[in-house]
Amino acid sequence: MTEVLGVAALLGGGVTAGVLFAVALSVLPALFAMETGPYVHAHQLLGRNWDPTMPVIVLSSTLANGVLAVTVDGAGRPLFAAAAVLLLGVSGVSHLCNVPINRTVKGITDPAVLPADWQDPRPLWRRWHLLRTALAVLALVCTASAVALV
């Protein structure tokens, strides 16, 4: 059971960190290079498949690490617990910070005609995204270290 949960925690944590890192490395610079109208359209398209998928992956990884933190003995226990807390942080930043920005951008019906009070959300979205990326990478390091110790 420990081995299966360890693989699940590593797989989920790796996918989470990898996706967030790829967005930070490639997608964000591309979005910043766009004019506002095309950016809004691209932002609306990008999240369609990630929005329902990533929360399941992140929370499943959190659960796997949490279960391992409770069930294993030794030096791996606090590392699994730290990974679970860090992944909870990823989820919290996503749901409380990035998702509301996503909803605002997705609520724009015509990217060519922006509301009068429009403020470009890219800088704020990037800051929150970089925070959750760092949390995800740290969680993966904790999980991998814990699995190596078990």
N, C-alpha and C. Protein backbone atom coordinates (compact mmCIF):
# COMPACT_ATOMS: atom_id res chain seq x y z
N MET A 1 0.83 -1.20 0.00
CA MET A 1 0.00 0.00 0.00
C MET A 1 0.87 1.26 0.00
N THR A 2 1.92 1.24 0.81
CA THR A 2 2.81 2.41 0.89
C THR A 2 3.45 2.70 -0.46
N GLU A 3 3.85 1.64 -1.16
CA GLU A 3 4.49 1.82 -2.46
C GLU A 3 3.52 2.42 -3.48
N VAL A 4 2.29 1.95 -3.48
CA VAL A 4 1.28 2.46 -4.42
C VAL A 4 0.99 3.93 -4.13
N LEU A 5 0.81 4.26 -2.86
CA LEU A 5 0.56 5.66 -2.50
C LEU A 5 1.78 6.54 -2.81
N GLY A 6 2.97 6.00 -2.62
CA GLY A 6 4.18 6.75 -2.93
C GLY A 6 4.27 7.07 -4.41
N VAL A 7 3.95 6.08 -5.24
CA VAL A 7 3.95 6.30 -6.69
C VAL A 7 2.87 7.32 -7.06
N ALA A 8 1.69 7.20 -6.48
CA ALA A 8 0.60 8.14 -6.77
C ALA A 8 0.98 9.56 -6.35
N ALA A 9 1.59 9.69 -5.17
CA ALA A 9 2.00 11.00 -4.69
C ALA A 9 3.07 11.61 -5.59
N LEU A 10 4.03 10.78 -6.02
CA LEU A 10 5.08 11.27 -6.92
C LEU A 10 4.52 11.64 -8.29
N LEU A 11 3.66 10.81 -8.80
CA LEU A 11 3.08 11.07 -10.12
C LEU A 11 2.25 12.36 -10.09
N GLY A 12 1.36 12.48 -9.14
CA GLY A 12 0.53 13.67 -9.04
C GLY A 12 1.34 14.92 -8.77
N GLY A 13 2.30 14.82 -7.86
CA GLY A 13 3.15 15.97 -7.56
C GLY A 13 4.02 16.36 -8.74
N GLY A 14 4.49 15.35 -9.48
CA GLY A 14 5.31 15.63 -10.66
C GLY A 14 4.51 16.29 -11.77
N VAL A 15 3.30 15.79 -12.00
CA VAL A 15 2.44 16.41 -13.01
C VAL A 15 2.11 17.84 -12.61
N THR A 16 1.75 18.04 -11.35
CA THR A 16 1.41 19.38 -10.88
C THR A 16 2.58 20.34 -11.06
N ALA A 17 3.74 19.97 -10.56
CA ALA A 17 4.91 20.84 -10.67
C ALA A 17 5.29 21.05 -12.13
N GLY A 18 5.20 19.99 -12.92
CA GLY A 18 5.57 20.10 -14.34
C GLY A 18 4.66 21.02 -15.12
N VAL A 19 3.37 20.88 -14.92
CA VAL A 19 2.41 21.74 -15.63
C VAL A 19 2.60 23.19 -15.22
N LEU A 20 2.68 23.44 -13.92
CA LEU A 20 2.83 24.82 -13.46
C LEU A 20 4.16 25.42 -13.92
N PHE A 21 5.22 24.62 -13.92
CA PHE A 21 6.51 25.10 -14.39
C PHE A 21 6.45 25.42 -15.89
N ALA A 22 5.80 24.55 -16.67
CA ALA A 22 5.69 24.79 -18.11
C ALA A 22 4.91 26.07 -18.40
N VAL A 23 3.85 26.30 -17.65
CA VAL A 23 3.07 27.53 -17.83
C VAL A 23 3.94 28.75 -17.50
N ALA A 24 4.70 28.67 -16.41
CA ALA A 24 5.56 29.79 -16.03
C ALA A 24 6.66 30.03 -17.06
N LEU A 25 7.21 28.96 -17.61
CA LEU A 25 8.35 29.07 -18.51
C LEU A 25 7.96 29.48 -19.92
N SER A 26 6.81 29.03 -20.40
CA SER A 26 6.47 29.23 -21.81
C SER A 26 5.15 29.96 -22.05
N VAL A 27 4.11 29.56 -21.36
CA VAL A 27 2.79 30.13 -21.62
C VAL A 27 2.72 31.59 -21.17
N LEU A 28 3.19 31.87 -19.96
CA LEU A 28 3.12 33.24 -19.45
C LEU A 28 3.87 34.24 -20.33
N PRO A 29 5.10 33.96 -20.74
CA PRO A 29 5.77 34.91 -21.64
C PRO A 29 4.99 35.12 -22.95
N ALA A 30 4.38 34.07 -23.46
CA ALA A 30 3.58 34.20 -24.68
C ALA A 30 2.37 35.10 -24.44
N LEU A 31 1.70 34.91 -23.31
CA LEU A 31 0.53 35.74 -23.00
C LEU A 31 0.91 37.20 -22.81
N PHE A 32 2.08 37.44 -22.20
CA PHE A 32 2.54 38.82 -22.00
C PHE A 32 2.92 39.48 -23.32
N ALA A 33 3.30 38.69 -24.31
CA ALA A 33 3.71 39.25 -25.60
C ALA A 33 2.51 39.64 -26.47
N MET A 34 1.31 39.23 -26.08
CA MET A 34 0.11 39.48 -26.88
C MET A 34 -0.51 40.83 -26.56
N GLU A 35 -1.16 41.40 -27.56
CA GLU A 35 -2.02 42.56 -27.33
C GLU A 35 -3.19 42.10 -26.46
N THR A 36 -3.89 43.04 -25.86
CA THR A 36 -4.93 42.69 -24.87
C THR A 36 -6.03 41.82 -25.44
N GLY A 37 -6.59 42.16 -26.59
CA GLY A 37 -7.70 41.37 -27.15
C GLY A 37 -7.31 39.92 -27.40
N PRO A 38 -6.23 39.66 -28.13
CA PRO A 38 -5.80 38.27 -28.34
C PRO A 38 -5.43 37.56 -27.04
N TYR A 39 -4.86 38.31 -26.08
CA TYR A 39 -4.55 37.71 -24.78
C TYR A 39 -5.83 37.21 -24.11
N VAL A 40 -6.87 38.05 -24.09
CA VAL A 40 -8.12 37.64 -23.43
C VAL A 40 -8.66 36.38 -24.10
N HIS A 41 -8.66 36.36 -25.41
CA HIS A 41 -9.16 35.19 -26.14
C HIS A 41 -8.32 33.95 -25.80
N ALA A 42 -6.99 34.09 -25.80
CA ALA A 42 -6.11 32.96 -25.49
C ALA A 42 -6.34 32.48 -24.06
N HIS A 43 -6.46 33.41 -23.12
CA HIS A 43 -6.68 33.05 -21.72
C HIS A 43 -7.99 32.27 -21.57
N GLN A 44 -9.00 32.70 -22.30
CA GLN A 44 -10.29 32.00 -22.25
C GLN A 44 -10.17 30.57 -22.76
N LEU A 45 -9.33 30.36 -23.76
CA LEU A 45 -9.16 29.02 -24.34
C LEU A 45 -8.26 28.11 -23.50
N LEU A 46 -7.24 28.67 -22.88
CA LEU A 46 -6.22 27.86 -22.23
C LEU A 46 -6.74 27.03 -21.06
N GLY A 47 -7.63 27.55 -20.28
CA GLY A 47 -8.05 26.85 -19.07
C GLY A 47 -9.13 25.80 -19.25
N ARG A 48 -9.65 25.67 -20.43
CA ARG A 48 -10.81 24.79 -20.62
C ARG A 48 -10.61 23.38 -20.09
N ASN A 49 -9.48 22.77 -20.37
CA ASN A 49 -9.25 21.39 -19.93
C ASN A 49 -8.50 21.30 -18.61
N TRP A 50 -7.74 22.34 -18.27
CA TRP A 50 -7.01 22.30 -17.02
C TRP A 50 -7.92 22.54 -15.83
N ASP A 51 -8.90 23.43 -15.98
CA ASP A 51 -9.74 23.81 -14.85
C ASP A 51 -10.42 22.62 -14.17
N PRO A 52 -10.97 21.67 -14.90
CA PRO A 52 -11.57 20.53 -14.19
C PRO A 52 -10.55 19.47 -13.79
N THR A 53 -9.38 19.44 -14.41
CA THR A 53 -8.42 18.36 -14.22
C THR A 53 -7.43 18.63 -13.09
N MET A 54 -6.84 19.81 -13.08
CA MET A 54 -5.78 20.10 -12.11
C MET A 54 -6.24 20.02 -10.65
N PRO A 55 -7.42 20.50 -10.28
CA PRO A 55 -7.81 20.35 -8.87
C PRO A 55 -7.85 18.88 -8.42
N VAL A 56 -8.30 18.00 -9.30
CA VAL A 56 -8.35 16.58 -8.95
C VAL A 56 -6.94 16.04 -8.74
N ILE A 57 -6.02 16.40 -9.62
CA ILE A 57 -4.64 15.93 -9.49
C ILE A 57 -3.99 16.48 -8.23
N VAL A 58 -4.14 17.77 -7.99
CA VAL A 58 -3.51 18.40 -6.82
C VAL A 58 -4.09 17.83 -5.53
N LEU A 59 -5.41 17.73 -5.44
CA LEU A 59 -6.02 17.25 -4.21
C LEU A 59 -5.78 15.75 -3.99
N SER A 60 -5.72 14.97 -5.06
CA SER A 60 -5.38 13.55 -4.93
C SER A 60 -3.96 13.38 -4.41
N SER A 61 -3.06 14.19 -4.92
CA SER A 61 -1.67 14.15 -4.46
C SER A 61 -1.56 14.59 -3.00
N THR A 62 -2.34 15.59 -2.65
CA THR A 62 -2.39 16.04 -1.26
C THR A 62 -2.86 14.91 -0.35
N LEU A 63 -3.90 14.24 -0.77
CA LEU A 63 -4.45 13.13 0.02
C LEU A 63 -3.44 11.99 0.14
N ALA A 64 -2.80 11.62 -0.96
CA ALA A 64 -1.81 10.54 -0.93
C ALA A 64 -0.68 10.89 0.04
N ASN A 65 -0.16 12.11 -0.04
CA ASN A 65 0.89 12.53 0.88
C ASN A 65 0.40 12.55 2.32
N GLY A 66 -0.84 13.00 2.52
CA GLY A 66 -1.41 13.04 3.86
C GLY A 66 -1.56 11.67 4.47
N VAL A 67 -2.04 10.73 3.68
CA VAL A 67 -2.18 9.35 4.17
C VAL A 67 -0.82 8.77 4.51
N LEU A 68 0.16 9.02 3.65
CA LEU A 68 1.51 8.53 3.92
C LEU A 68 2.10 9.17 5.17
N ALA A 69 1.80 10.45 5.39
CA ALA A 69 2.30 11.13 6.59
C ALA A 69 1.77 10.49 7.87
N VAL A 70 0.58 9.92 7.78
CA VAL A 70 -0.04 9.30 8.95
C VAL A 70 0.37 7.83 9.09
N THR A 71 0.63 7.16 7.99
CA THR A 71 0.83 5.71 8.04
C THR A 71 2.28 5.25 8.06
N VAL A 72 3.22 6.06 7.59
CA VAL A 72 4.62 5.60 7.60
C VAL A 72 5.31 6.04 8.88
N ASP A 73 6.36 5.35 9.20
CA ASP A 73 7.19 5.71 10.34
C ASP A 73 8.53 6.23 9.82
N GLY A 74 9.22 6.92 10.67
CA GLY A 74 10.58 7.32 10.34
C GLY A 74 10.67 8.71 9.73
N ALA A 75 11.80 8.92 9.05
CA ALA A 75 12.15 10.25 8.54
C ALA A 75 11.25 10.71 7.40
N GLY A 76 10.57 9.79 6.74
CA GLY A 76 9.69 10.18 5.65
C GLY A 76 8.42 10.87 6.11
N ARG A 77 7.99 10.58 7.31
CA ARG A 77 6.72 11.11 7.82
C ARG A 77 6.62 12.64 7.76
N PRO A 78 7.57 13.39 8.31
CA PRO A 78 7.43 14.85 8.25
C PRO A 78 7.55 15.40 6.82
N LEU A 79 8.28 14.70 5.97
CA LEU A 79 8.39 15.15 4.58
C LEU A 79 7.08 14.95 3.83
N PHE A 80 6.41 13.82 4.06
CA PHE A 80 5.09 13.62 3.45
C PHE A 80 4.10 14.66 3.98
N ALA A 81 4.18 14.95 5.27
CA ALA A 81 3.29 15.97 5.85
C ALA A 81 3.57 17.34 5.24
N ALA A 82 4.84 17.69 5.09
CA ALA A 82 5.19 18.97 4.47
C ALA A 82 4.69 19.04 3.04
N ALA A 83 4.83 17.95 2.30
CA ALA A 83 4.36 17.92 0.90
C ALA A 83 2.85 18.13 0.86
N ALA A 84 2.12 17.49 1.77
CA ALA A 84 0.66 17.67 1.81
C ALA A 84 0.28 19.12 2.09
N VAL A 85 0.97 19.74 3.03
CA VAL A 85 0.70 21.15 3.37
C VAL A 85 1.04 22.05 2.18
N LEU A 86 2.17 21.80 1.53
CA LEU A 86 2.56 22.61 0.38
C LEU A 86 1.55 22.48 -0.76
N LEU A 87 1.07 21.26 -1.00
CA LEU A 87 0.07 21.06 -2.06
C LEU A 87 -1.26 21.71 -1.68
N LEU A 88 -1.58 21.71 -0.41
CA LEU A 88 -2.76 22.46 0.03
C LEU A 88 -2.58 23.94 -0.27
N GLY A 89 -1.36 24.41 -0.12
CA GLY A 89 -1.05 25.79 -0.48
C GLY A 89 -1.25 26.04 -1.96
N VAL A 90 -0.83 25.10 -2.80
CA VAL A 90 -1.04 25.21 -4.25
C VAL A 90 -2.53 25.34 -4.53
N SER A 91 -3.30 24.48 -3.91
CA SER A 91 -4.75 24.51 -4.11
C SER A 91 -5.36 25.81 -3.61
N GLY A 92 -4.92 26.27 -2.46
CA GLY A 92 -5.44 27.52 -1.91
C GLY A 92 -5.14 28.72 -2.79
N VAL A 93 -3.90 28.83 -3.25
CA VAL A 93 -3.53 29.94 -4.13
C VAL A 93 -4.35 29.86 -5.42
N SER A 94 -4.49 28.66 -5.95
CA SER A 94 -5.26 28.49 -7.19
C SER A 94 -6.70 28.96 -7.00
N HIS A 95 -7.36 28.41 -5.99
CA HIS A 95 -8.79 28.67 -5.81
C HIS A 95 -9.10 30.09 -5.32
N LEU A 96 -8.22 30.63 -4.51
CA LEU A 96 -8.50 31.94 -3.92
C LEU A 96 -7.93 33.10 -4.74
N CYS A 97 -6.94 32.84 -5.57
CA CYS A 97 -6.26 33.93 -6.27
C CYS A 97 -6.35 33.82 -7.79
N ASN A 98 -5.88 32.71 -8.35
CA ASN A 98 -5.86 32.59 -9.81
C ASN A 98 -7.24 32.35 -10.41
N VAL A 99 -8.03 31.49 -9.79
CA VAL A 99 -9.35 31.17 -10.35
C VAL A 99 -10.26 32.40 -10.42
N PRO A 100 -10.32 33.26 -9.40
CA PRO A 100 -11.16 34.46 -9.55
C PRO A 100 -10.72 35.35 -10.72
N ILE A 101 -9.41 35.45 -10.94
CA ILE A 101 -8.93 36.22 -12.10
C ILE A 101 -9.37 35.53 -13.39
N ASN A 102 -9.24 34.20 -13.42
CA ASN A 102 -9.68 33.45 -14.61
C ASN A 102 -11.16 33.71 -14.90
N ARG A 103 -11.97 33.69 -13.87
CA ARG A 103 -13.42 33.91 -14.06
C ARG A 103 -13.70 35.30 -14.63
N THR A 104 -12.96 36.29 -14.15
CA THR A 104 -13.13 37.65 -14.66
C THR A 104 -12.80 37.70 -16.15
N VAL A 105 -11.67 37.12 -16.52
CA VAL A 105 -11.25 37.13 -17.93
C VAL A 105 -12.23 36.32 -18.78
N LYS A 106 -12.67 35.19 -18.29
CA LYS A 106 -13.60 34.36 -19.05
C LYS A 106 -14.98 34.99 -19.16
N GLY A 107 -15.28 35.93 -18.29
CA GLY A 107 -16.57 36.61 -18.33
C GLY A 107 -16.65 37.70 -19.39
N ILE A 108 -15.55 38.01 -20.03
CA ILE A 108 -15.55 39.03 -21.08
C ILE A 108 -16.12 38.39 -22.35
N THR A 109 -17.21 38.96 -22.85
CA THR A 109 -17.87 38.36 -24.01
C THR A 109 -17.24 38.76 -25.33
N ASP A 110 -16.66 39.95 -25.38
CA ASP A 110 -16.02 40.40 -26.62
C ASP A 110 -14.64 40.96 -26.30
N PRO A 111 -13.58 40.17 -26.56
CA PRO A 111 -12.22 40.63 -26.24
C PRO A 111 -11.83 41.93 -26.95
N ALA A 112 -12.53 42.28 -28.01
CA ALA A 112 -12.22 43.52 -28.73
C ALA A 112 -12.80 44.74 -28.02
N VAL A 113 -13.80 44.52 -27.14
CA VAL A 113 -14.44 45.62 -26.42
C VAL A 113 -14.36 45.31 -24.93
N LEU A 114 -13.34 45.85 -24.28
CA LEU A 114 -13.13 45.58 -22.86
C LEU A 114 -13.92 46.57 -22.02
N PRO A 115 -14.31 46.18 -20.80
CA PRO A 115 -15.02 47.09 -19.91
C PRO A 115 -14.19 48.35 -19.63
N ALA A 116 -14.86 49.44 -19.33
CA ALA A 116 -14.18 50.71 -19.08
C ALA A 116 -13.21 50.63 -17.89
N ASP A 117 -13.54 49.80 -16.91
CA ASP A 117 -12.69 49.67 -15.72
C ASP A 117 -11.68 48.53 -15.82
N TRP A 118 -11.43 48.06 -17.03
CA TRP A 118 -10.53 46.93 -17.25
C TRP A 118 -9.12 47.24 -16.74
N GLN A 119 -8.60 46.30 -15.96
CA GLN A 119 -7.21 46.36 -15.53
C GLN A 119 -6.57 45.04 -15.94
N ASP A 120 -5.48 45.13 -16.63
CA ASP A 120 -4.79 43.94 -17.13
C ASP A 120 -4.41 43.03 -15.96
N PRO A 121 -4.94 41.80 -15.91
CA PRO A 121 -4.68 40.93 -14.77
C PRO A 121 -3.39 40.12 -14.88
N ARG A 122 -2.69 40.23 -16.00
CA ARG A 122 -1.51 39.39 -16.20
C ARG A 122 -0.45 39.53 -15.12
N PRO A 123 -0.05 40.73 -14.71
CA PRO A 123 0.98 40.80 -13.66
C PRO A 123 0.57 40.14 -12.35
N LEU A 124 -0.65 40.37 -11.90
CA LEU A 124 -1.13 39.76 -10.66
C LEU A 124 -1.25 38.25 -10.82
N TRP A 125 -1.83 37.82 -11.95
CA TRP A 125 -1.98 36.38 -12.20
C TRP A 125 -0.62 35.71 -12.17
N ARG A 126 0.40 36.33 -12.80
CA ARG A 126 1.75 35.76 -12.83
C ARG A 126 2.32 35.63 -11.43
N ARG A 127 2.16 36.64 -10.59
CA ARG A 127 2.70 36.57 -9.23
C ARG A 127 2.11 35.38 -8.46
N TRP A 128 0.78 35.26 -8.53
CA TRP A 128 0.14 34.12 -7.84
C TRP A 128 0.57 32.80 -8.46
N HIS A 129 0.70 32.77 -9.77
CA HIS A 129 1.10 31.53 -10.43
C HIS A 129 2.52 31.13 -10.03
N LEU A 130 3.43 32.09 -9.96
CA LEU A 130 4.80 31.76 -9.56
C LEU A 130 4.86 31.27 -8.12
N LEU A 131 4.01 31.80 -7.26
CA LEU A 131 3.94 31.30 -5.88
C LEU A 131 3.49 29.84 -5.87
N ARG A 132 2.41 29.53 -6.57
CA ARG A 132 1.94 28.15 -6.54
C ARG A 132 2.91 27.21 -7.24
N THR A 133 3.63 27.70 -8.23
CA THR A 133 4.65 26.88 -8.89
C THR A 133 5.76 26.53 -7.90
N ALA A 134 6.23 27.53 -7.16
CA ALA A 134 7.28 27.28 -6.15
C ALA A 134 6.79 26.29 -5.10
N LEU A 135 5.55 26.45 -4.64
CA LEU A 135 4.99 25.51 -3.66
C LEU A 135 4.94 24.09 -4.22
N ALA A 136 4.54 23.96 -5.48
CA ALA A 136 4.44 22.64 -6.10
C ALA A 136 5.80 21.98 -6.26
N VAL A 137 6.80 22.75 -6.65
CA VAL A 137 8.15 22.20 -6.81
C VAL A 137 8.70 21.77 -5.44
N LEU A 138 8.49 22.59 -4.42
CA LEU A 138 8.92 22.21 -3.07
C LEU A 138 8.19 20.96 -2.59
N ALA A 139 6.91 20.86 -2.89
CA ALA A 139 6.15 19.66 -2.50
C ALA A 139 6.72 18.42 -3.19
N LEU A 140 7.07 18.55 -4.46
CA LEU A 140 7.64 17.41 -5.18
C LEU A 140 8.98 17.00 -4.57
N VAL A 141 9.80 17.97 -4.20
CA VAL A 141 11.08 17.66 -3.55
C VAL A 141 10.84 16.92 -2.23
N CYS A 142 9.86 17.37 -1.47
CA CYS A 142 9.54 16.71 -0.20
C CYS A 142 9.03 15.29 -0.43
N THR A 143 8.13 15.11 -1.39
CA THR A 143 7.60 13.79 -1.67
C THR A 143 8.70 12.84 -2.15
N ALA A 144 9.51 13.30 -3.08
CA ALA A 144 10.58 12.46 -3.61
C ALA A 144 11.57 12.07 -2.50
N SER A 145 11.90 13.03 -1.65
CA SER A 145 12.82 12.74 -0.54
C SER A 145 12.20 11.74 0.42
N ALA A 146 10.92 11.91 0.71
CA ALA A 146 10.24 11.00 1.62
C ALA A 146 10.17 9.58 1.05
N VAL A 147 9.85 9.48 -0.23
CA VAL A 147 9.77 8.16 -0.87
C VAL A 147 11.15 7.50 -0.83
N ALA A 148 12.19 8.26 -1.04
CA ALA A 148 13.55 7.70 -1.01
C ALA A 148 13.91 7.19 0.39
N LEU A 149 13.35 7.81 1.42
CA LEU A 149 13.66 7.42 2.79
C LEU A 149 12.84 6.24 3.30
N VAL A 150 11.70 6.00 2.67
CA VAL A 150 10.80 4.94 3.16
C VAL A 150 11.28 3.57 2.71
